[in-house]
Amino acid sequence: MSPKKERFHSFTNILKFISGIISWTILVILVIVAGFLLYYFVSVKLYAQKGEAYKPAFSLYTILSPSMEPNIKVYDVIFDMNVDSPEDIKEGDVITFISTATLTKGMTITHRVVQIIQDENGYSYMTKGDNNLANDGAAVPFDNVLGKVLFKIPQLGRVQEFLGTKGGWLIVVVIPALIVIISDILKIFRLQSSKNQVESYEQKEKKKKQEEQKRKDKIKEKLLQKYEEKIEENEPAETETKEKENEE
C-alpha cells in the first residue's frame, strides 16, 4: 500500500472512530434525558393522584427562586432522597418541604435546616434560605418534609424549560434521535454494500478459478489427444519393421 493510501486509510479510521464516539455520546445523553423526563412525568402523575401524601424514594425539583444562592442557583435541579426517620435530618441539611408559613403556605420550598425542634408533637425543623436575611416564618413538621437534597445538577432546569417548547424538543431530542437513526441506517447500508462487494469478489474469484480449470482441462485434453495421435502414427511403423524381420 502506498504512503498516500495509508494516510487516507488512517484518516478514514480516525473519522469513523470520532463519529462513533459522537453517536454513542448523543445516544447516552438522549437516554439520560429520556430517563429524567420519564421519572419526572411519572412522579407528577402520582403526585396528582395521591397529593401531598405521596413521597417518592427519589425526586427532582427545579429551583425557581434565588433564596438558596450562591449554593443552589435558579434553574439548578436538585436530586432529593426520601427521609424515613426524623433523626436522619441534621442541622445544616438542605431539605425540600411543603411550607406552612403564612406567605408561602402550600408551596414546595427547598431551604437549609438551622434548628431542630422536638416536643410533644414530634419533630419539626426551622429553616432558612442561604440568601435570606431571616428564618422562614414557621417550623416545618416532619410529615411535610418531601426529601433531603443529595446533589444538584447545575442549570439543568434551563434544559427542562427549553424542552418544554416545541423548538427545544425538536432540537434537543427529535433531531439528534434522527441523526442517530439515520447514521445507524447508513451503517447497515454500508455493511450490506461491503458484504455484496465481498460476495461479488468471491463469485468472480470462483468463476476465474473455474475458467482457469477449464483452460487447464482443455490443454490437458489436447496434449492427450496429440499423444494418442503420435502413438497411432508409430504403430504402423513398428508393424512394418516386424514384417521385414520375419521375411529375413
C-alpha atoms as a PDB file:
ATOM      1  CA  MET A   1       0.000   0.000   0.000  1.00  0.00           C
ATOM      2  CA  SER A   2       1.356   3.430  -0.974  1.00  0.00           C
ATOM      3  CA  PRO A   3       2.021   6.113   1.708  1.00  0.00           C
ATOM      4  CA  LYS A   4      -0.862   8.247   0.382  1.00  0.00           C
ATOM      5  CA  LYS A   5      -3.309   5.357   0.630  1.00  0.00           C
ATOM      6  CA  GLU A   6      -2.056   4.526   4.130  1.00  0.00           C
ATOM      7  CA  ARG A   7      -2.578   8.147   5.266  1.00  0.00           C
ATOM      8  CA  PHE A   8      -6.047   8.212   3.702  1.00  0.00           C
ATOM      9  CA  HIS A   9      -6.932   4.883   5.342  1.00  0.00           C
ATOM     10  CA  SER A  10      -5.656   6.146   8.717  1.00  0.00           C
ATOM     11  CA  PHE A  11      -7.623   9.418   8.358  1.00  0.00           C
ATOM     12  CA  THR A  12     -10.776   7.458   7.459  1.00  0.00           C
ATOM     13  CA  ASN A  13     -10.399   5.251  10.542  1.00  0.00           C
ATOM     14  CA  ILE A  14      -9.980   8.329  12.767  1.00  0.00           C
ATOM     15  CA  LEU A  15     -13.156   9.889  11.312  1.00  0.00           C
ATOM     16  CA  LYS A  16     -15.075   6.642  11.883  1.00  0.00           C
ATOM     17  CA  PHE A  17     -13.812   6.494  15.480  1.00  0.00           C
ATOM     18  CA  ILE A  18     -14.816  10.126  16.166  1.00  0.00           C
ATOM     19  CA  SER A  19     -18.246   9.687  14.538  1.00  0.00           C
ATOM     20  CA  GLY A  20     -18.781   6.556  16.646  1.00  0.00           C
ATOM     21  CA  ILE A  21     -17.950   8.446  19.851  1.00  0.00           C
ATOM     22  CA  ILE A  22     -20.286  11.302  18.886  1.00  0.00           C
ATOM     23  CA  SER A  23     -23.109   8.866  18.052  1.00  0.00           C
ATOM     24  CA  TRP A  24     -22.762   6.997  21.343  1.00  0.00           C
ATOM     25  CA  THR A  25     -22.483  10.264  23.311  1.00  0.00           C
ATOM     26  CA  ILE A  26     -25.679  11.593  21.744  1.00  0.00           C
ATOM     27  CA  LEU A  27     -27.401   8.274  22.428  1.00  0.00           C
ATOM     28  CA  VAL A  28     -26.326   8.255  26.097  1.00  0.00           C
ATOM     29  CA  ILE A  29     -27.481  11.880  26.544  1.00  0.00           C
ATOM     30  CA  LEU A  30     -30.825  11.040  24.961  1.00  0.00           C
ATOM     31  CA  VAL A  31     -31.252   8.032  27.241  1.00  0.00           C
ATOM     32  CA  ILE A  32     -30.397  10.101  30.353  1.00  0.00           C
ATOM     33  CA  VAL A  33     -32.717  12.949  29.347  1.00  0.00           C
ATOM     34  CA  ALA A  34     -35.474  10.474  28.497  1.00  0.00           C
ATOM     35  CA  GLY A  35     -34.988   8.744  31.856  1.00  0.00           C
ATOM     36  CA  PHE A  36     -35.227  12.016  33.776  1.00  0.00           C
ATOM     37  CA  LEU A  37     -38.281  13.111  31.804  1.00  0.00           C
ATOM     38  CA  LEU A  38     -39.996   9.752  32.265  1.00  0.00           C
ATOM     39  CA  TYR A  39     -39.301   9.730  36.011  1.00  0.00           C
ATOM     40  CA  TYR A  40     -40.469  13.346  36.295  1.00  0.00           C
ATOM     41  CA  PHE A  41     -43.648  12.597  34.306  1.00  0.00           C
ATOM     42  CA  VAL A  42     -44.498   9.541  36.416  1.00  0.00           C
ATOM     43  CA  SER A  43     -43.806  11.439  39.652  1.00  0.00           C
ATOM     44  CA  VAL A  44     -46.067  14.313  38.604  1.00  0.00           C
ATOM     45  CA  LYS A  45     -48.878  11.891  37.724  1.00  0.00           C
ATOM     46  CA  LEU A  46     -48.562  10.030  41.025  1.00  0.00           C
ATOM     47  CA  TYR A  47     -48.381  13.283  42.987  1.00  0.00           C
ATOM     48  CA  ALA A  48     -51.544  14.498  41.222  1.00  0.00           C
ATOM     49  CA  GLN A  49     -53.342  11.276  42.214  1.00  0.00           C
ATOM     50  CA  LYS A  50     -52.077  10.893  45.781  1.00  0.00           C
ATOM     51  CA  GLY A  51     -51.493  14.529  46.710  1.00  0.00           C
ATOM     52  CA  GLU A  52     -49.046  15.602  49.395  1.00  0.00           C
ATOM     53  CA  ALA A  53     -49.067  12.126  50.936  1.00  0.00           C
ATOM     54  CA  TYR A  54     -47.014  10.847  48.002  1.00  0.00           C
ATOM     55  CA  LYS A  55     -43.315  10.812  48.859  1.00  0.00           C
ATOM     56  CA  PRO A  56     -41.216   9.030  46.203  1.00  0.00           C
ATOM     57  CA  ALA A  57     -37.899   7.425  47.095  1.00  0.00           C
ATOM     58  CA  PHE A  58     -36.146   9.929  44.826  1.00  0.00           C
ATOM     59  CA  SER A  59     -37.421  13.161  43.368  1.00  0.00           C
ATOM     60  CA  LEU A  60     -36.260  16.033  41.174  1.00  0.00           C
ATOM     61  CA  TYR A  61     -37.062  19.688  41.687  1.00  0.00           C
ATOM     62  CA  THR A  62     -36.158  22.726  39.604  1.00  0.00           C
ATOM     63  CA  ILE A  63     -35.189  25.763  41.678  1.00  0.00           C
ATOM     64  CA  LEU A  64     -37.160  28.860  40.681  1.00  0.00           C
ATOM     65  CA  SER A  65     -36.079  31.409  43.323  1.00  0.00           C
ATOM     66  CA  PRO A  66     -32.667  32.782  44.389  1.00  0.00           C
ATOM     67  CA  SER A  67     -33.275  32.115  48.106  1.00  0.00           C
ATOM     68  CA  MET A  68     -30.503  29.463  48.254  1.00  0.00           C
ATOM     69  CA  GLU A  69     -27.869  31.299  46.221  1.00  0.00           C
ATOM     70  CA  PRO A  70     -24.945  31.030  45.804  1.00  0.00           C
ATOM     71  CA  ASN A  71     -25.023  27.340  46.794  1.00  0.00           C
ATOM     72  CA  ILE A  72     -28.113  26.488  44.767  1.00  0.00           C
ATOM     73  CA  LYS A  73     -28.977  28.835  41.924  1.00  0.00           C
ATOM     74  CA  VAL A  74     -32.093  29.489  39.893  1.00  0.00           C
ATOM     75  CA  TYR A  75     -32.637  26.731  37.273  1.00  0.00           C
ATOM     76  CA  ASP A  76     -30.430  24.265  39.149  1.00  0.00           C
ATOM     77  CA  VAL A  77     -32.117  20.860  39.503  1.00  0.00           C
ATOM     78  CA  ILE A  78     -31.838  19.202  42.917  1.00  0.00           C
ATOM     79  CA  PHE A  79     -31.952  15.455  43.466  1.00  0.00           C
ATOM     80  CA  ASP A  80     -33.763  14.569  46.703  1.00  0.00           C
ATOM     81  CA  MET A  81     -33.892  11.334  48.672  1.00  0.00           C
ATOM     82  CA  ASN A  82     -36.890  10.478  50.802  1.00  0.00           C
ATOM     83  CA  VAL A  83     -36.241  10.584  54.573  1.00  0.00           C
ATOM     84  CA  ASP A  84     -37.693   7.664  56.548  1.00  0.00           C
ATOM     85  CA  SER A  85     -36.836   8.829  60.067  1.00  0.00           C
ATOM     86  CA  PRO A  86     -36.825  12.368  61.565  1.00  0.00           C
ATOM     87  CA  GLU A  87     -33.453  11.605  63.180  1.00  0.00           C
ATOM     88  CA  ASP A  88     -31.928  11.366  59.684  1.00  0.00           C
ATOM     89  CA  ILE A  89     -32.218  15.129  59.280  1.00  0.00           C
ATOM     90  CA  LYS A  90     -29.407  17.149  60.880  1.00  0.00           C
ATOM     91  CA  GLU A  91     -28.719  20.847  61.223  1.00  0.00           C
ATOM     92  CA  GLY A  92     -27.133  22.100  58.017  1.00  0.00           C
ATOM     93  CA  ASP A  93     -29.030  19.659  55.788  1.00  0.00           C
ATOM     94  CA  VAL A  94     -30.951  21.118  52.863  1.00  0.00           C
ATOM     95  CA  ILE A  95     -34.490  19.761  52.706  1.00  0.00           C
ATOM     96  CA  THR A  96     -37.473  20.117  50.395  1.00  0.00           C
ATOM     97  CA  PHE A  97     -40.808  20.550  52.133  1.00  0.00           C
ATOM     98  CA  ILE A  98     -44.369  21.808  51.908  1.00  0.00           C
ATOM     99  CA  SER A  99     -44.354  25.222  53.597  1.00  0.00           C
ATOM    100  CA  THR A 100     -46.703  26.101  56.432  1.00  0.00           C
ATOM    101  CA  ALA A 101     -45.590  29.752  56.638  1.00  0.00           C
ATOM    102  CA  THR A 102     -48.223  32.413  56.002  1.00  0.00           C
ATOM    103  CA  LEU A 103     -46.640  33.903  52.857  1.00  0.00           C
ATOM    104  CA  THR A 104     -45.649  30.596  51.259  1.00  0.00           C
ATOM    105  CA  LYS A 105     -48.265  28.196  52.645  1.00  0.00           C
ATOM    106  CA  GLY A 106     -48.706  25.113  50.468  1.00  0.00           C
ATOM    107  CA  MET A 107     -45.690  25.911  48.295  1.00  0.00           C
ATOM    108  CA  THR A 108     -42.804  23.484  47.758  1.00  0.00           C
ATOM    109  CA  ILE A 109     -39.662  25.053  49.267  1.00  0.00           C
ATOM    110  CA  THR A 110     -36.030  23.960  49.435  1.00  0.00           C
ATOM    111  CA  HIS A 111     -34.138  25.558  52.373  1.00  0.00           C
ATOM    112  CA  ARG A 112     -31.465  24.693  54.908  1.00  0.00           C
ATOM    113  CA  VAL A 113     -32.232  23.362  58.387  1.00  0.00           C
ATOM    114  CA  VAL A 114     -30.938  25.797  61.008  1.00  0.00           C
ATOM    115  CA  GLN A 115     -32.663  24.357  64.098  1.00  0.00           C
ATOM    116  CA  ILE A 116     -34.257  21.040  65.088  1.00  0.00           C
ATOM    117  CA  ILE A 117     -37.271  21.225  67.404  1.00  0.00           C
ATOM    118  CA  GLN A 118     -38.516  18.214  69.351  1.00  0.00           C
ATOM    119  CA  ASP A 119     -41.637  18.491  71.518  1.00  0.00           C
ATOM    120  CA  GLU A 120     -44.844  16.624  72.314  1.00  0.00           C
ATOM    121  CA  ASN A 121     -45.920  16.999  68.666  1.00  0.00           C
ATOM    122  CA  GLY A 122     -42.797  15.265  67.403  1.00  0.00           C
ATOM    123  CA  TYR A 123     -40.004  16.670  65.260  1.00  0.00           C
ATOM    124  CA  SER A 124     -40.124  19.920  63.343  1.00  0.00           C
ATOM    125  CA  TYR A 125     -37.432  21.997  61.667  1.00  0.00           C
ATOM    126  CA  MET A 126     -36.703  25.697  61.466  1.00  0.00           C
ATOM    127  CA  THR A 127     -35.370  26.504  58.012  1.00  0.00           C
ATOM    128  CA  LYS A 128     -33.761  29.419  56.229  1.00  0.00           C
ATOM    129  CA  GLY A 129     -32.690  30.216  52.708  1.00  0.00           C
ATOM    130  CA  ASP A 130     -28.922  30.786  52.428  1.00  0.00           C
ATOM    131  CA  ASN A 131     -29.602  34.058  50.639  1.00  0.00           C
ATOM    132  CA  ASN A 132     -32.356  35.210  53.031  1.00  0.00           C
ATOM    133  CA  LEU A 133     -31.768  37.525  55.995  1.00  0.00           C
ATOM    134  CA  ALA A 134     -34.244  35.820  58.328  1.00  0.00           C
ATOM    135  CA  ASN A 135     -35.552  32.363  59.104  1.00  0.00           C
ATOM    136  CA  ASP A 136     -38.725  31.088  57.473  1.00  0.00           C
ATOM    137  CA  GLY A 137     -41.884  32.171  59.291  1.00  0.00           C
ATOM    138  CA  ALA A 138     -42.868  28.721  60.627  1.00  0.00           C
ATOM    139  CA  ALA A 139     -41.248  25.431  61.607  1.00  0.00           C
ATOM    140  CA  VAL A 140     -41.636  22.513  59.201  1.00  0.00           C
ATOM    141  CA  PRO A 141     -43.306  19.362  60.652  1.00  0.00           C
ATOM    142  CA  PHE A 142     -41.573  16.130  59.671  1.00  0.00           C
ATOM    143  CA  ASP A 143     -44.704  14.994  57.814  1.00  0.00           C
ATOM    144  CA  ASN A 144     -44.267  17.964  55.456  1.00  0.00           C
ATOM    145  CA  VAL A 145     -40.699  17.019  54.506  1.00  0.00           C
ATOM    146  CA  LEU A 146     -40.547  15.675  50.939  1.00  0.00           C
ATOM    147  CA  GLY A 147     -36.867  14.787  50.900  1.00  0.00           C
ATOM    148  CA  LYS A 148     -33.270  15.709  51.674  1.00  0.00           C
ATOM    149  CA  VAL A 149     -31.053  17.143  48.950  1.00  0.00           C
ATOM    150  CA  LEU A 150     -28.308  14.747  47.850  1.00  0.00           C
ATOM    151  CA  PHE A 151     -26.815  16.745  44.999  1.00  0.00           C
ATOM    152  CA  LYS A 152     -27.637  19.334  42.376  1.00  0.00           C
ATOM    153  CA  ILE A 153     -27.342  19.382  38.597  1.00  0.00           C
ATOM    154  CA  PRO A 154     -26.346  22.936  37.629  1.00  0.00           C
ATOM    155  CA  GLN A 155     -28.690  24.704  35.214  1.00  0.00           C
ATOM    156  CA  LEU A 156     -30.450  21.534  34.064  1.00  0.00           C
ATOM    157  CA  GLY A 157     -33.693  23.401  34.623  1.00  0.00           C
ATOM    158  CA  ARG A 158     -32.889  25.558  31.605  1.00  0.00           C
ATOM    159  CA  VAL A 159     -32.778  22.411  29.518  1.00  0.00           C
ATOM    160  CA  GLN A 160     -36.088  21.324  31.029  1.00  0.00           C
ATOM    161  CA  GLU A 161     -37.616  24.715  30.242  1.00  0.00           C
ATOM    162  CA  PHE A 162     -36.174  24.619  26.725  1.00  0.00           C
ATOM    163  CA  LEU A 163     -37.507  21.097  26.198  1.00  0.00           C
ATOM    164  CA  GLY A 164     -40.929  22.375  27.189  1.00  0.00           C
ATOM    165  CA  THR A 165     -41.045  24.345  23.938  1.00  0.00           C
ATOM    166  CA  LYS A 166     -41.719  22.746  20.545  1.00  0.00           C
ATOM    167  CA  GLY A 167     -38.456  24.082  19.134  1.00  0.00           C
ATOM    168  CA  GLY A 168     -36.465  22.804  22.107  1.00  0.00           C
ATOM    169  CA  TRP A 169     -37.951  19.312  21.905  1.00  0.00           C
ATOM    170  CA  LEU A 170     -37.228  19.288  18.168  1.00  0.00           C
ATOM    171  CA  ILE A 171     -33.601  20.443  18.525  1.00  0.00           C
ATOM    172  CA  VAL A 172     -32.556  18.504  21.628  1.00  0.00           C
ATOM    173  CA  VAL A 173     -34.469  15.238  21.199  1.00  0.00           C
ATOM    174  CA  VAL A 174     -36.004  14.725  17.751  1.00  0.00           C
ATOM    175  CA  ILE A 175     -33.120  15.905  15.541  1.00  0.00           C
ATOM    176  CA  PRO A 176     -30.335  14.076  17.468  1.00  0.00           C
ATOM    177  CA  ALA A 177     -32.523  10.959  17.545  1.00  0.00           C
ATOM    178  CA  LEU A 178     -32.994  11.199  13.767  1.00  0.00           C
ATOM    179  CA  ILE A 179     -29.234  11.690  13.320  1.00  0.00           C
ATOM    180  CA  VAL A 180     -28.506   8.548  15.330  1.00  0.00           C
ATOM    181  CA  ILE A 181     -31.176   6.551  13.462  1.00  0.00           C
ATOM    182  CA  ILE A 182     -30.003   7.768  10.028  1.00  0.00           C
ATOM    183  CA  SER A 183     -26.382   7.081  10.987  1.00  0.00           C
ATOM    184  CA  ASP A 184     -27.274   3.511  12.015  1.00  0.00           C
ATOM    185  CA  ILE A 185     -29.248   3.007   8.789  1.00  0.00           C
ATOM    186  CA  LEU A 186     -26.273   4.249   6.737  1.00  0.00           C
ATOM    187  CA  LYS A 187     -24.003   1.858   8.649  1.00  0.00           C
ATOM    188  CA  ILE A 188     -26.349  -1.005   7.806  1.00  0.00           C
ATOM    189  CA  PHE A 189     -26.309   0.002   4.117  1.00  0.00           C
ATOM    190  CA  ARG A 190     -22.506   0.284   4.176  1.00  0.00           C
ATOM    191  CA  LEU A 191     -22.200  -3.141   5.793  1.00  0.00           C
ATOM    192  CA  GLN A 192     -24.604  -4.600   3.243  1.00  0.00           C
ATOM    193  CA  SER A 193     -22.657  -2.920   0.424  1.00  0.00           C
ATOM    194  CA  SER A 194     -19.384  -4.309   1.784  1.00  0.00           C
ATOM    195  CA  LYS A 195     -20.968  -7.746   2.097  1.00  0.00           C
ATOM    196  CA  ASN A 196     -22.194  -7.543  -1.506  1.00  0.00           C
ATOM    197  CA  GLN A 197     -18.741  -6.482  -2.670  1.00  0.00           C
ATOM    198  CA  VAL A 198     -17.136  -9.390  -0.832  1.00  0.00           C
ATOM    199  CA  GLU A 199     -19.676 -11.823  -2.263  1.00  0.00           C
ATOM    200  CA  SER A 200     -19.170 -10.370  -5.750  1.00  0.00           C
ATOM    201  CA  TYR A 201     -15.406 -10.667  -5.375  1.00  0.00           C
ATOM    202  CA  GLU A 202     -15.728 -14.268  -4.165  1.00  0.00           C
ATOM    203  CA  GLN A 203     -18.002 -15.105  -7.093  1.00  0.00           C
ATOM    204  CA  LYS A 204     -15.557 -13.539  -9.549  1.00  0.00           C
ATOM    205  CA  GLU A 205     -12.665 -15.441  -7.983  1.00  0.00           C
ATOM    206  CA  LYS A 206     -14.668 -18.647  -8.110  1.00  0.00           C
ATOM    207  CA  LYS A 207     -15.577 -18.040 -11.747  1.00  0.00           C
ATOM    208  CA  LYS A 208     -11.979 -17.178 -12.528  1.00  0.00           C
ATOM    209  CA  LYS A 209     -10.784 -20.424 -10.922  1.00  0.00           C
ATOM    210  CA  GLN A 210     -13.413 -22.391 -12.825  1.00  0.00           C
ATOM    211  CA  GLU A 211     -12.353 -20.822 -16.124  1.00  0.00           C
ATOM    212  CA  GLU A 212      -8.717 -21.473 -15.279  1.00  0.00           C
ATOM    213  CA  GLN A 213      -9.529 -25.090 -14.506  1.00  0.00           C
ATOM    214  CA  LYS A 214     -11.440 -25.411 -17.792  1.00  0.00           C
ATOM    215  CA  ARG A 215      -8.489 -23.965 -19.666  1.00  0.00           C
ATOM    216  CA  LYS A 216      -6.144 -26.442 -17.968  1.00  0.00           C
ATOM    217  CA  ASP A 217      -8.514 -29.299 -18.766  1.00  0.00           C
ATOM    218  CA  LYS A 218      -8.625 -28.263 -22.428  1.00  0.00           C
ATOM    219  CA  ILE A 219      -4.835 -28.058 -22.603  1.00  0.00           C
ATOM    220  CA  LYS A 220      -4.589 -31.443 -20.929  1.00  0.00           C
ATOM    221  CA  GLU A 221      -7.144 -32.867 -23.343  1.00  0.00           C
ATOM    222  CA  LYS A 222      -5.271 -31.500 -26.371  1.00  0.00           C
ATOM    223  CA  LEU A 223      -1.957 -32.849 -25.110  1.00  0.00           C
ATOM    224  CA  LEU A 224      -3.553 -36.228 -24.503  1.00  0.00           C
ATOM    225  CA  GLN A 225      -5.072 -36.176 -27.968  1.00  0.00           C
ATOM    226  CA  LYS A 226      -1.700 -35.349 -29.575  1.00  0.00           C
ATOM    227  CA  TYR A 227      -0.071 -38.070 -27.557  1.00  0.00           C
ATOM    228  CA  GLU A 228      -2.625 -40.619 -28.783  1.00  0.00           C
ATOM    229  CA  GLU A 229      -2.157 -39.447 -32.377  1.00  0.00           C
ATOM    230  CA  LYS A 230       1.612 -39.944 -32.116  1.00  0.00           C
ATOM    231  CA  ILE A 231       1.097 -43.410 -30.724  1.00  0.00           C
ATOM    232  CA  GLU A 232      -1.206 -44.264 -33.627  1.00  0.00           C
ATOM    233  CA  GLU A 233       1.382 -42.943 -36.112  1.00  0.00           C
ATOM    234  CA  ASN A 234       4.155 -45.042 -34.576  1.00  0.00           C
ATOM    235  CA  GLU A 235       2.143 -48.298 -34.554  1.00  0.00           C
ATOM    236  CA  PRO A 236       2.213 -48.890 -38.425  1.00  0.00           C
ATOM    237  CA  ALA A 237       5.995 -48.294 -38.496  1.00  0.00           C
ATOM    238  CA  GLU A 238       6.539 -50.866 -35.789  1.00  0.00           C
ATOM    239  CA  THR A 239       4.299 -53.344 -37.661  1.00  0.00           C
ATOM    240  CA  GLU A 240       6.313 -52.927 -40.934  1.00  0.00           C
ATOM    241  CA  THR A 241       9.588 -53.480 -39.074  1.00  0.00           C
ATOM    242  CA  LYS A 242       8.308 -56.705 -37.566  1.00  0.00           C
ATOM    243  CA  GLU A 243       7.155 -57.968 -41.007  1.00  0.00           C
ATOM    244  CA  LYS A 244      10.583 -57.277 -42.558  1.00  0.00           C
ATOM    245  CA  GLU A 245      12.272 -59.115 -39.755  1.00  0.00           C
ATOM    246  CA  ASN A 246      10.017 -62.114 -40.318  1.00  0.00           C
ATOM    247  CA  GLU A 247      10.796 -62.115 -44.073  1.00  0.00           C
ATOM    248  CA  GLU A 248      14.513 -62.159 -43.455  1.00  0.00           C
END
